[in-house]
Amino acid sequence: MKHAWFLTELIYRIHDRNSPTVHQFDKQMRLIKADSAREAYQAALVMASHELDKRNMPSGNTLLWEFAGIGILQTIDKPEESVDHMELHYTIDTAGAAREYMHSLRTRHASLQMQIALTA
C-alpha cells in the first residue's frame, strides 16, 4: 500500500496548580506518514503519549498536561521536504468555558473514532 500524509491536530489541556481558574489549551498541528487513517490515528495517540511523558516529567513544575483529544485528522497532498511527525504550527489558547470546550472536543474526537472504525 502507498503511504499517505495526514494532518492532525493534537490538543492538550494545561492545568496550572497555581492558577486553577485559568484554562489553557495547547493545539499542535503535526504531519504523519501512514498507510491508512487508522494507522495515522494510532500514531497520533502515540505522539500525544510521548508529549505527555516529556511535559509531565517531575521537575517541580506547577503545570500538568492532559491529552484532550484529536481535533482533526485528514489526508493531505505530500508537502515538499516533509518530515514524519513534524510539528507545523501550535497555539496556546486560554478558554473562558473549559468544560464546554472539552465537551465539544470530546464529541469531535468520538466522531473521528467512529469514522475510522467504519473505514476499517
Protein backbone atom coordinates (compact mmCIF):
# COMPACT_ATOMS: atom_id res chain seq x y z
CA MET A 1 0.00 0.00 0.00
CA LYS A 2 1.21 3.51 -0.79
CA HIS A 3 1.92 5.83 2.12
CA ALA A 4 -0.26 8.88 2.55
CA TRP A 5 0.30 12.08 4.50
CA PHE A 6 -2.12 13.08 7.21
CA LEU A 7 -2.51 16.36 9.03
CA THR A 8 -3.56 16.02 12.65
CA GLU A 9 -4.31 18.48 15.41
CA LEU A 10 -3.30 17.27 18.87
CA ILE A 11 -4.91 19.20 21.71
CA TYR A 12 -3.70 19.26 25.30
CA ARG A 13 -5.25 20.88 28.35
CA ILE A 14 -2.75 22.62 30.60
CA HIS A 15 -3.55 22.74 34.31
CA ASP A 16 -1.64 25.26 36.41
CA ARG A 17 -1.71 24.32 40.08
CA ASN A 18 -1.09 27.98 40.99
CA SER A 19 -3.97 29.29 38.84
CA PRO A 20 -6.77 26.68 38.88
CA THR A 21 -9.27 29.06 37.28
CA VAL A 22 -7.14 29.59 34.13
CA HIS A 23 -7.92 27.06 31.40
CA GLN A 24 -5.27 26.78 28.69
CA PHE A 25 -5.21 24.51 25.65
CA ASP A 26 -2.13 23.74 23.55
CA LYS A 27 -3.03 22.92 19.93
CA GLN A 28 -0.35 21.33 17.75
CA MET A 29 -0.63 20.67 14.02
CA ARG A 30 1.51 17.67 13.02
CA LEU A 31 2.28 15.65 9.89
CA ILE A 32 2.04 11.87 9.92
CA LYS A 33 3.07 9.45 7.17
CA ALA A 34 0.90 6.32 7.32
CA ASP A 35 -0.73 3.60 5.22
CA SER A 36 -4.25 4.33 6.47
CA ALA A 37 -6.32 6.69 8.60
CA ARG A 38 -6.36 4.04 11.34
CA GLU A 39 -2.56 3.85 11.36
CA ALA A 40 -2.32 7.67 11.38
CA TYR A 41 -4.78 7.84 14.27
CA GLN A 42 -2.75 5.33 16.27
CA ALA A 43 0.47 7.23 15.51
CA ALA A 44 -1.19 10.45 16.70
CA LEU A 45 -2.10 8.80 20.01
CA VAL A 46 1.49 7.57 20.44
CA MET A 47 2.82 11.08 19.70
CA ALA A 48 0.41 12.50 22.28
CA SER A 49 1.60 9.99 24.87
CA HIS A 50 5.26 10.89 24.24
CA GLU A 51 4.46 14.59 24.53
CA LEU A 52 2.74 13.99 27.89
CA ASP A 53 5.72 11.99 29.14
CA LYS A 54 8.03 14.85 28.18
CA ARG A 55 5.84 17.64 29.60
CA ASN A 56 4.87 15.94 32.87
CA MET A 57 8.32 14.80 33.96
CA PRO A 58 8.84 15.55 37.65
CA SER A 59 10.75 18.80 37.80
CA GLY A 60 8.88 20.87 40.36
CA ASN A 61 6.80 22.32 37.55
CA THR A 62 3.38 23.63 38.54
CA LEU A 63 1.93 22.73 35.12
CA LEU A 64 0.17 19.44 34.46
CA TRP A 65 -0.57 18.49 30.85
CA GLU A 66 -3.56 16.33 29.91
CA PHE A 67 -4.27 14.96 26.42
CA ALA A 68 -7.66 16.41 25.49
CA GLY A 69 -8.07 14.78 22.09
CA ILE A 70 -7.54 14.96 18.36
CA GLY A 71 -9.16 17.96 16.72
CA ILE A 72 -8.69 16.86 13.10
CA LEU A 73 -7.16 14.03 11.14
CA GLN A 74 -7.24 14.42 7.39
CA THR A 75 -5.31 13.29 4.34
CA ILE A 76 -3.24 15.95 2.60
CA ASP A 77 -1.11 16.14 -0.51
CA LYS A 78 2.51 15.34 0.16
CA PRO A 79 4.22 18.50 1.33
CA GLU A 80 7.65 19.35 -0.06
CA GLU A 81 10.55 18.22 2.15
CA SER A 82 8.17 16.90 4.77
CA VAL A 83 9.29 15.06 7.86
CA ASP A 84 7.11 12.47 9.59
CA HIS A 85 5.70 13.77 12.93
CA MET A 86 6.87 17.29 12.12
CA GLU A 87 5.08 20.00 14.08
CA LEU A 88 3.72 22.58 11.66
CA HIS A 89 2.07 25.01 14.00
CA TYR A 90 0.95 25.36 17.58
CA THR A 91 -1.00 27.79 19.69
CA ILE A 92 -1.82 28.02 23.36
CA ASP A 93 -5.31 29.40 23.93
CA THR A 94 -6.93 30.41 27.17
CA ALA A 95 -10.54 29.25 27.16
CA GLY A 96 -13.20 31.01 29.20
CA ALA A 97 -15.51 28.00 29.27
CA ALA A 98 -13.19 24.99 29.56
CA ARG A 99 -15.96 22.49 30.32
CA GLU A 100 -17.87 23.37 27.13
CA TYR A 101 -14.67 23.36 25.08
CA MET A 102 -13.71 19.91 26.41
CA HIS A 103 -17.21 18.59 25.67
CA SER A 104 -17.02 19.88 22.09
CA LEU A 105 -13.55 18.41 21.62
CA ARG A 106 -14.54 15.02 23.01
CA THR A 107 -17.57 14.96 20.69
CA ARG A 108 -15.32 15.67 17.66
CA HIS A 109 -12.81 13.03 18.83
CA ALA A 110 -15.57 10.41 19.23
CA SER A 111 -16.85 11.25 15.75
CA LEU A 112 -13.34 10.77 14.36
CA GLN A 113 -13.04 7.41 16.11
CA MET A 114 -16.37 6.32 14.56
CA GLN A 115 -15.26 7.40 11.07
CA ILE A 116 -12.04 5.42 11.40
CA ALA A 117 -13.89 2.37 12.74
CA LEU A 118 -16.30 2.47 9.80
CA THR A 119 -13.47 2.56 7.24
CA ALA A 120 -11.62 -0.39 8.79
